Amino acid sequence: MSSRRVFEMRTYFPSRGRMAALEERFRRHTVRLFARHGIISIGYWTTSSNDDLRLIYMLAYPDHGSREMSWASFRADPEWQTAAAASEAEGPLIARRESVYLNETDYSPLIIANGQVTAAA
């Protein structure tokens, strides 16, 4: 695998009636814990159709190896394990998930410095 910075676009298809709980878990726990484990959040979006609810988000890592290490430490974090278990006490939040890895192009206006994301002028 390349040592170039890598981006990951993740799509979560929530279990029926669980979108609000999924978003609440991201608000209260996930985003903050991602940062703790070196996972850079680029952005989070939801679909605008109530018939096809999805949470789509993009993350960045220095390289594929860093991605693997960050996710391993995130999954092992006791705070994450507690938050995940509590949020799924009434059933799973996610029915299906997809993940796509993206390579940055040399013409992309996105700039990531010190974990902060901006767009080039």
C-alpha atoms as a PDB file:
ATOM      1  CA  MET A   1       0.000   0.000   0.000  1.00  0.00           C
ATOM      2  CA  SER A   2       1.022   3.570  -0.660  1.00  0.00           C
ATOM      3  CA  SER A   3       2.380   5.853   2.061  1.00  0.00           C
ATOM      4  CA  ARG A   4       0.329   8.757   0.613  1.00  0.00           C
ATOM      5  CA  ARG A   5      -2.432  10.347   2.628  1.00  0.00           C
ATOM      6  CA  VAL A   6      -5.631   8.378   2.265  1.00  0.00           C
ATOM      7  CA  PHE A   7      -9.252   9.387   2.603  1.00  0.00           C
ATOM      8  CA  GLU A   8     -12.131   7.133   3.543  1.00  0.00           C
ATOM      9  CA  MET A   9     -15.754   7.797   2.647  1.00  0.00           C
ATOM     10  CA  ARG A  10     -18.061   5.793   4.882  1.00  0.00           C
ATOM     11  CA  THR A  11     -21.798   5.356   4.424  1.00  0.00           C
ATOM     12  CA  TYR A  12     -24.021   4.055   7.192  1.00  0.00           C
ATOM     13  CA  PHE A  13     -27.521   2.811   6.447  1.00  0.00           C
ATOM     14  CA  PRO A  14     -29.292   3.052   9.809  1.00  0.00           C
ATOM     15  CA  SER A  15     -31.560   0.365  11.142  1.00  0.00           C
ATOM     16  CA  ARG A  16     -35.224   1.283  10.847  1.00  0.00           C
ATOM     17  CA  GLY A  17     -36.095   4.113  13.233  1.00  0.00           C
ATOM     18  CA  ARG A  18     -32.505   4.450  14.532  1.00  0.00           C
ATOM     19  CA  MET A  19     -31.120   7.445  12.587  1.00  0.00           C
ATOM     20  CA  ALA A  20     -31.646   9.910  15.447  1.00  0.00           C
ATOM     21  CA  ALA A  21     -29.816   7.616  17.877  1.00  0.00           C
ATOM     22  CA  LEU A  22     -26.971   7.140  15.368  1.00  0.00           C
ATOM     23  CA  GLU A  23     -26.576  10.897  14.941  1.00  0.00           C
ATOM     24  CA  GLU A  24     -26.679  11.411  18.701  1.00  0.00           C
ATOM     25  CA  ARG A  25     -23.873   8.889  19.182  1.00  0.00           C
ATOM     26  CA  PHE A  26     -21.757  10.754  16.622  1.00  0.00           C
ATOM     27  CA  ARG A  27     -22.523  14.105  18.298  1.00  0.00           C
ATOM     28  CA  ARG A  28     -21.788  12.952  21.839  1.00  0.00           C
ATOM     29  CA  HIS A  29     -19.007  10.408  21.360  1.00  0.00           C
ATOM     30  CA  THR A  30     -17.788   9.281  17.945  1.00  0.00           C
ATOM     31  CA  VAL A  31     -16.386  12.510  16.484  1.00  0.00           C
ATOM     32  CA  ARG A  32     -14.481  13.359  19.668  1.00  0.00           C
ATOM     33  CA  LEU A  33     -13.132   9.819  20.010  1.00  0.00           C
ATOM     34  CA  PHE A  34     -12.053   9.764  16.362  1.00  0.00           C
ATOM     35  CA  ALA A  35      -9.890  12.831  17.066  1.00  0.00           C
ATOM     36  CA  ARG A  36      -8.443  11.203  20.185  1.00  0.00           C
ATOM     37  CA  HIS A  37      -7.241   8.301  18.043  1.00  0.00           C
ATOM     38  CA  GLY A  38      -5.780  10.350  15.183  1.00  0.00           C
ATOM     39  CA  ILE A  39      -8.732   9.988  12.803  1.00  0.00           C
ATOM     40  CA  ILE A  40      -9.232  13.314  11.009  1.00  0.00           C
ATOM     41  CA  SER A  41     -12.864  14.214  10.342  1.00  0.00           C
ATOM     42  CA  ILE A  42     -13.382  15.965   7.004  1.00  0.00           C
ATOM     43  CA  GLY A  43     -17.179  16.212   7.129  1.00  0.00           C
ATOM     44  CA  TYR A  44     -20.471  14.521   7.949  1.00  0.00           C
ATOM     45  CA  TRP A  45     -23.652  14.564   5.862  1.00  0.00           C
ATOM     46  CA  THR A  46     -27.103  13.025   5.892  1.00  0.00           C
ATOM     47  CA  THR A  47     -29.264  12.359   2.878  1.00  0.00           C
ATOM     48  CA  SER A  48     -32.123  14.771   2.286  1.00  0.00           C
ATOM     49  CA  SER A  49     -34.690  12.077   1.511  1.00  0.00           C
ATOM     50  CA  ASN A  50     -36.534  10.489   4.422  1.00  0.00           C
ATOM     51  CA  ASP A  51     -37.122   7.444   2.208  1.00  0.00           C
ATOM     52  CA  ASP A  52     -33.421   6.676   1.942  1.00  0.00           C
ATOM     53  CA  LEU A  53     -31.776   7.824   5.187  1.00  0.00           C
ATOM     54  CA  ARG A  54     -28.005   7.563   5.306  1.00  0.00           C
ATOM     55  CA  LEU A  55     -25.138   9.058   7.264  1.00  0.00           C
ATOM     56  CA  ILE A  56     -22.175   9.715   4.988  1.00  0.00           C
ATOM     57  CA  TYR A  57     -18.863  10.938   6.290  1.00  0.00           C
ATOM     58  CA  MET A  58     -15.288  11.390   5.176  1.00  0.00           C
ATOM     59  CA  LEU A  59     -12.156  10.758   7.196  1.00  0.00           C
ATOM     60  CA  ALA A  60      -8.454  11.263   6.498  1.00  0.00           C
ATOM     61  CA  TYR A  61      -5.288   9.488   7.611  1.00  0.00           C
ATOM     62  CA  PRO A  62      -1.595  10.015   6.865  1.00  0.00           C
ATOM     63  CA  ASP A  63      -1.487   6.578   5.176  1.00  0.00           C
ATOM     64  CA  HIS A  64      -3.141   3.131   5.211  1.00  0.00           C
ATOM     65  CA  GLY A  65      -0.994   1.910   8.095  1.00  0.00           C
ATOM     66  CA  SER A  66      -2.049   4.850  10.243  1.00  0.00           C
ATOM     67  CA  ARG A  67      -5.664   4.125   9.393  1.00  0.00           C
ATOM     68  CA  GLU A  68      -5.356   0.563  10.655  1.00  0.00           C
ATOM     69  CA  MET A  69      -3.623   1.634  13.877  1.00  0.00           C
ATOM     70  CA  SER A  70      -6.146   4.421  14.547  1.00  0.00           C
ATOM     71  CA  TRP A  71      -9.154   2.149  14.087  1.00  0.00           C
ATOM     72  CA  ALA A  72      -7.637  -0.578  16.263  1.00  0.00           C
ATOM     73  CA  SER A  73      -7.065   1.888  19.113  1.00  0.00           C
ATOM     74  CA  PHE A  74     -10.533   3.450  18.607  1.00  0.00           C
ATOM     75  CA  ARG A  75     -12.280   0.061  18.788  1.00  0.00           C
ATOM     76  CA  ALA A  76     -10.293  -0.877  21.909  1.00  0.00           C
ATOM     77  CA  ASP A  77     -11.082   2.398  23.706  1.00  0.00           C
ATOM     78  CA  PRO A  78     -13.182   1.616  26.806  1.00  0.00           C
ATOM     79  CA  GLU A  79     -15.115   4.874  26.411  1.00  0.00           C
ATOM     80  CA  TRP A  80     -16.092   3.887  22.851  1.00  0.00           C
ATOM     81  CA  GLN A  81     -17.069   0.389  23.932  1.00  0.00           C
ATOM     82  CA  THR A  82     -19.316   1.793  26.669  1.00  0.00           C
ATOM     83  CA  ALA A  83     -20.903   4.376  24.330  1.00  0.00           C
ATOM     84  CA  ALA A  84     -21.481   1.805  21.588  1.00  0.00           C
ATOM     85  CA  ALA A  85     -23.061  -0.700  23.964  1.00  0.00           C
ATOM     86  CA  ALA A  86     -25.312   1.922  25.565  1.00  0.00           C
ATOM     87  CA  SER A  87     -26.467   3.315  22.215  1.00  0.00           C
ATOM     88  CA  GLU A  88     -27.354  -0.158  20.963  1.00  0.00           C
ATOM     89  CA  ALA A  89     -29.225  -1.301  24.080  1.00  0.00           C
ATOM     90  CA  GLU A  90     -32.480  -1.113  22.094  1.00  0.00           C
ATOM     91  CA  GLY A  91     -30.998  -2.765  19.000  1.00  0.00           C
ATOM     92  CA  PRO A  92     -28.344  -2.130  16.372  1.00  0.00           C
ATOM     93  CA  LEU A  93     -28.019   1.385  14.995  1.00  0.00           C
ATOM     94  CA  ILE A  94     -26.549   0.340  11.660  1.00  0.00           C
ATOM     95  CA  ALA A  95     -28.163  -2.107   9.251  1.00  0.00           C
ATOM     96  CA  ARG A  96     -25.390  -1.882   6.641  1.00  0.00           C
ATOM     97  CA  ARG A  97     -22.179   0.050   6.084  1.00  0.00           C
ATOM     98  CA  GLU A  98     -19.991   0.763   3.085  1.00  0.00           C
ATOM     99  CA  SER A  99     -16.469   2.110   2.942  1.00  0.00           C
ATOM    100  CA  VAL A 100     -14.541   3.501  -0.037  1.00  0.00           C
ATOM    101  CA  TYR A 101     -10.868   4.521   0.053  1.00  0.00           C
ATOM    102  CA  LEU A 102      -9.890   7.598  -1.934  1.00  0.00           C
ATOM    103  CA  ASN A 103      -6.528   9.003  -2.987  1.00  0.00           C
ATOM    104  CA  GLU A 104      -6.009  12.743  -2.982  1.00  0.00           C
ATOM    105  CA  THR A 105      -5.290  14.318  -6.352  1.00  0.00           C
ATOM    106  CA  ASP A 106      -2.671  17.004  -6.971  1.00  0.00           C
ATOM    107  CA  TYR A 107      -5.431  19.398  -8.112  1.00  0.00           C
ATOM    108  CA  SER A 108      -7.635  19.046  -5.022  1.00  0.00           C
ATOM    109  CA  PRO A 109      -8.213  22.346  -3.191  1.00  0.00           C
ATOM    110  CA  LEU A 110      -8.406  20.548   0.167  1.00  0.00           C
ATOM    111  CA  ILE A 111      -5.670  21.377   2.667  1.00  0.00           C
ATOM    112  CA  ILE A 112      -5.081  19.440   5.880  1.00  0.00           C
ATOM    113  CA  ALA A 113      -2.559  20.904   8.286  1.00  0.00           C
ATOM    114  CA  ASN A 114      -2.186  19.922  11.938  1.00  0.00           C
ATOM    115  CA  GLY A 115      -5.454  18.005  11.809  1.00  0.00           C
ATOM    116  CA  GLN A 116      -7.419  21.033  10.566  1.00  0.00           C
ATOM    117  CA  VAL A 117      -9.237  20.921   7.223  1.00  0.00           C
ATOM    118  CA  THR A 118      -9.560  23.960   4.961  1.00  0.00           C
ATOM    119  CA  ALA A 119     -10.097  24.623   1.268  1.00  0.00           C
ATOM    120  CA  ALA A 120      -7.461  26.438  -0.762  1.00  0.00           C
ATOM    121  CA  ALA A 121      -8.417  29.927  -1.877  1.00  0.00           C
END
